[in-house]
Amino acid sequence: MRSECEAAAVNLDEVADRGSAITRHLAHAVERLRHVNPVRVSGRVTDVIGLVIEGTGPGLPIGGVCHIERRDGGESIAAEVVGFRQNRVLLMPLGEV
């Protein structure tokens, strides 16, 4: 029969082995992500009503976030998709407009 200390040491070794496997798996995933080319989709702002921004595209789900680029080249505005209306996407800005 093993002592409690020996059993604890074996359990720690098992945890360390699992941790090493997870670390290797994550390192492999990170390496694969380094080679991914992000997809850039675009749309256009068609109207602004109060704080609601209406636009065409991109095909994001409710809760999705997009960045609206300013014509003057200023900092882009992050906006969340909050709904849809007649083939248009409705966005709410996540910061100052």
C-alpha atoms as a PDB file:
ATOM      1  CA  MET A   1       0.000   0.000   0.000  1.00  0.00           C
ATOM      2  CA  ARG A   2       1.335   3.447  -0.918  1.00  0.00           C
ATOM      3  CA  SER A   3       1.652   6.180   1.613  1.00  0.00           C
ATOM      4  CA  GLU A   4      -0.435   9.320   1.185  1.00  0.00           C
ATOM      5  CA  CYS A   5       2.711  11.255   0.213  1.00  0.00           C
ATOM      6  CA  GLU A   6       3.550   8.761  -2.541  1.00  0.00           C
ATOM      7  CA  ALA A   7      -0.021   8.891  -3.857  1.00  0.00           C
ATOM      8  CA  ALA A   8       0.056  12.695  -3.855  1.00  0.00           C
ATOM      9  CA  ALA A   9       3.375  12.679  -5.734  1.00  0.00           C
ATOM     10  CA  VAL A  10       1.924  10.356  -8.382  1.00  0.00           C
ATOM     11  CA  ASN A  11      -1.126  12.616  -8.747  1.00  0.00           C
ATOM     12  CA  LEU A  12       1.114  15.667  -9.169  1.00  0.00           C
ATOM     13  CA  ASP A  13       3.075  13.854 -11.879  1.00  0.00           C
ATOM     14  CA  GLU A  14      -0.186  13.058 -13.700  1.00  0.00           C
ATOM     15  CA  VAL A  15      -1.288  16.689 -13.450  1.00  0.00           C
ATOM     16  CA  ALA A  16       2.106  17.861 -14.746  1.00  0.00           C
ATOM     17  CA  ASP A  17       1.881  15.424 -17.673  1.00  0.00           C
ATOM     18  CA  ARG A  18      -1.597  16.708 -18.548  1.00  0.00           C
ATOM     19  CA  GLY A  19      -0.353  20.288 -18.229  1.00  0.00           C
ATOM     20  CA  SER A  20       2.531  19.548 -20.587  1.00  0.00           C
ATOM     21  CA  ALA A  21       0.156  18.012 -23.120  1.00  0.00           C
ATOM     22  CA  ILE A  22      -2.120  21.054 -22.938  1.00  0.00           C
ATOM     23  CA  THR A  23       0.862  23.391 -23.305  1.00  0.00           C
ATOM     24  CA  ARG A  24       2.054  21.498 -26.409  1.00  0.00           C
ATOM     25  CA  HIS A  25      -1.467  21.579 -27.855  1.00  0.00           C
ATOM     26  CA  LEU A  26      -1.773  25.333 -27.259  1.00  0.00           C
ATOM     27  CA  ALA A  27       1.680  26.000 -28.722  1.00  0.00           C
ATOM     28  CA  HIS A  28       0.677  24.074 -31.847  1.00  0.00           C
ATOM     29  CA  ALA A  29      -2.587  26.042 -32.103  1.00  0.00           C
ATOM     30  CA  VAL A  30      -0.766  29.372 -31.718  1.00  0.00           C
ATOM     31  CA  GLU A  31       1.696  28.387 -34.437  1.00  0.00           C
ATOM     32  CA  ARG A  32      -1.165  27.537 -36.794  1.00  0.00           C
ATOM     33  CA  LEU A  33      -2.838  30.879 -36.038  1.00  0.00           C
ATOM     34  CA  ARG A  34       0.347  32.732 -37.010  1.00  0.00           C
ATOM     35  CA  HIS A  35      -0.230  31.580 -40.593  1.00  0.00           C
ATOM     36  CA  VAL A  36      -3.902  32.560 -40.835  1.00  0.00           C
ATOM     37  CA  ASN A  37      -4.774  35.389 -43.180  1.00  0.00           C
ATOM     38  CA  PRO A  38      -7.599  37.402 -41.615  1.00  0.00           C
ATOM     39  CA  VAL A  39     -10.581  38.081 -43.831  1.00  0.00           C
ATOM     40  CA  ARG A  40     -11.584  41.679 -44.226  1.00  0.00           C
ATOM     41  CA  VAL A  41     -15.211  42.361 -45.040  1.00  0.00           C
ATOM     42  CA  SER A  42     -16.661  45.764 -45.666  1.00  0.00           C
ATOM     43  CA  GLY A  43     -19.915  47.636 -45.812  1.00  0.00           C
ATOM     44  CA  ARG A  44     -21.158  51.216 -45.853  1.00  0.00           C
ATOM     45  CA  VAL A  45     -22.933  53.474 -43.408  1.00  0.00           C
ATOM     46  CA  THR A  46     -26.249  54.417 -45.005  1.00  0.00           C
ATOM     47  CA  ASP A  47     -27.903  56.419 -42.213  1.00  0.00           C
ATOM     48  CA  VAL A  48     -27.469  57.597 -38.641  1.00  0.00           C
ATOM     49  CA  ILE A  49     -30.567  57.997 -36.478  1.00  0.00           C
ATOM     50  CA  GLY A  50     -29.712  59.184 -32.976  1.00  0.00           C
ATOM     51  CA  LEU A  51     -27.103  56.709 -31.790  1.00  0.00           C
ATOM     52  CA  VAL A  52     -28.208  53.957 -34.179  1.00  0.00           C
ATOM     53  CA  ILE A  53     -25.997  53.518 -37.216  1.00  0.00           C
ATOM     54  CA  GLU A  54     -27.590  51.797 -40.207  1.00  0.00           C
ATOM     55  CA  GLY A  55     -25.450  50.188 -42.851  1.00  0.00           C
ATOM     56  CA  THR A  56     -25.016  47.556 -45.513  1.00  0.00           C
ATOM     57  CA  GLY A  57     -22.957  44.415 -44.831  1.00  0.00           C
ATOM     58  CA  PRO A  58     -20.974  42.860 -43.275  1.00  0.00           C
ATOM     59  CA  GLY A  59     -22.861  39.647 -42.516  1.00  0.00           C
ATOM     60  CA  LEU A  60     -22.296  39.658 -38.768  1.00  0.00           C
ATOM     61  CA  PRO A  61     -24.633  38.144 -36.176  1.00  0.00           C
ATOM     62  CA  ILE A  62     -26.282  40.133 -33.399  1.00  0.00           C
ATOM     63  CA  GLY A  63     -23.573  40.841 -30.850  1.00  0.00           C
ATOM     64  CA  GLY A  64     -20.876  40.899 -33.529  1.00  0.00           C
ATOM     65  CA  VAL A  65     -18.469  43.824 -33.505  1.00  0.00           C
ATOM     66  CA  CYS A  66     -17.226  45.785 -36.485  1.00  0.00           C
ATOM     67  CA  HIS A  67     -15.038  48.853 -36.876  1.00  0.00           C
ATOM     68  CA  ILE A  68     -16.288  51.862 -38.799  1.00  0.00           C
ATOM     69  CA  GLU A  69     -13.494  53.743 -40.533  1.00  0.00           C
ATOM     70  CA  ARG A  70     -13.806  57.497 -40.600  1.00  0.00           C
ATOM     71  CA  ARG A  71     -13.595  59.451 -43.853  1.00  0.00           C
ATOM     72  CA  ASP A  72     -11.199  61.926 -42.279  1.00  0.00           C
ATOM     73  CA  GLY A  73      -8.764  59.119 -41.448  1.00  0.00           C
ATOM     74  CA  GLY A  74      -9.345  59.493 -37.714  1.00  0.00           C
ATOM     75  CA  GLU A  75      -9.548  56.604 -35.285  1.00  0.00           C
ATOM     76  CA  SER A  76     -12.110  53.963 -36.283  1.00  0.00           C
ATOM     77  CA  ILE A  77     -15.276  53.525 -34.216  1.00  0.00           C
ATOM     78  CA  ALA A  78     -16.138  50.106 -32.808  1.00  0.00           C
ATOM     79  CA  ALA A  79     -19.825  49.248 -33.124  1.00  0.00           C
ATOM     80  CA  GLU A  80     -21.942  46.273 -32.086  1.00  0.00           C
ATOM     81  CA  VAL A  81     -24.626  44.703 -34.262  1.00  0.00           C
ATOM     82  CA  VAL A  82     -27.918  45.170 -32.395  1.00  0.00           C
ATOM     83  CA  GLY A  83     -30.454  44.301 -35.087  1.00  0.00           C
ATOM     84  CA  PHE A  84     -31.484  44.193 -38.716  1.00  0.00           C
ATOM     85  CA  ARG A  85     -34.029  46.092 -40.829  1.00  0.00           C
ATOM     86  CA  GLN A  86     -34.824  45.523 -44.516  1.00  0.00           C
ATOM     87  CA  ASN A  87     -31.460  44.030 -45.520  1.00  0.00           C
ATOM     88  CA  ARG A  88     -29.620  46.587 -43.401  1.00  0.00           C
ATOM     89  CA  VAL A  89     -27.561  46.073 -40.273  1.00  0.00           C
ATOM     90  CA  LEU A  90     -28.242  48.224 -37.188  1.00  0.00           C
ATOM     91  CA  LEU A  91     -25.221  49.132 -35.102  1.00  0.00           C
ATOM     92  CA  MET A  92     -24.632  50.852 -31.776  1.00  0.00           C
ATOM     93  CA  PRO A  93     -21.291  52.570 -31.249  1.00  0.00           C
ATOM     94  CA  LEU A  94     -19.212  51.203 -28.377  1.00  0.00           C
ATOM     95  CA  GLY A  95     -17.435  54.490 -27.726  1.00  0.00           C
ATOM     96  CA  GLU A  96     -17.634  58.176 -28.495  1.00  0.00           C
ATOM     97  CA  VAL A  97     -18.841  59.113 -31.954  1.00  0.00           C
END
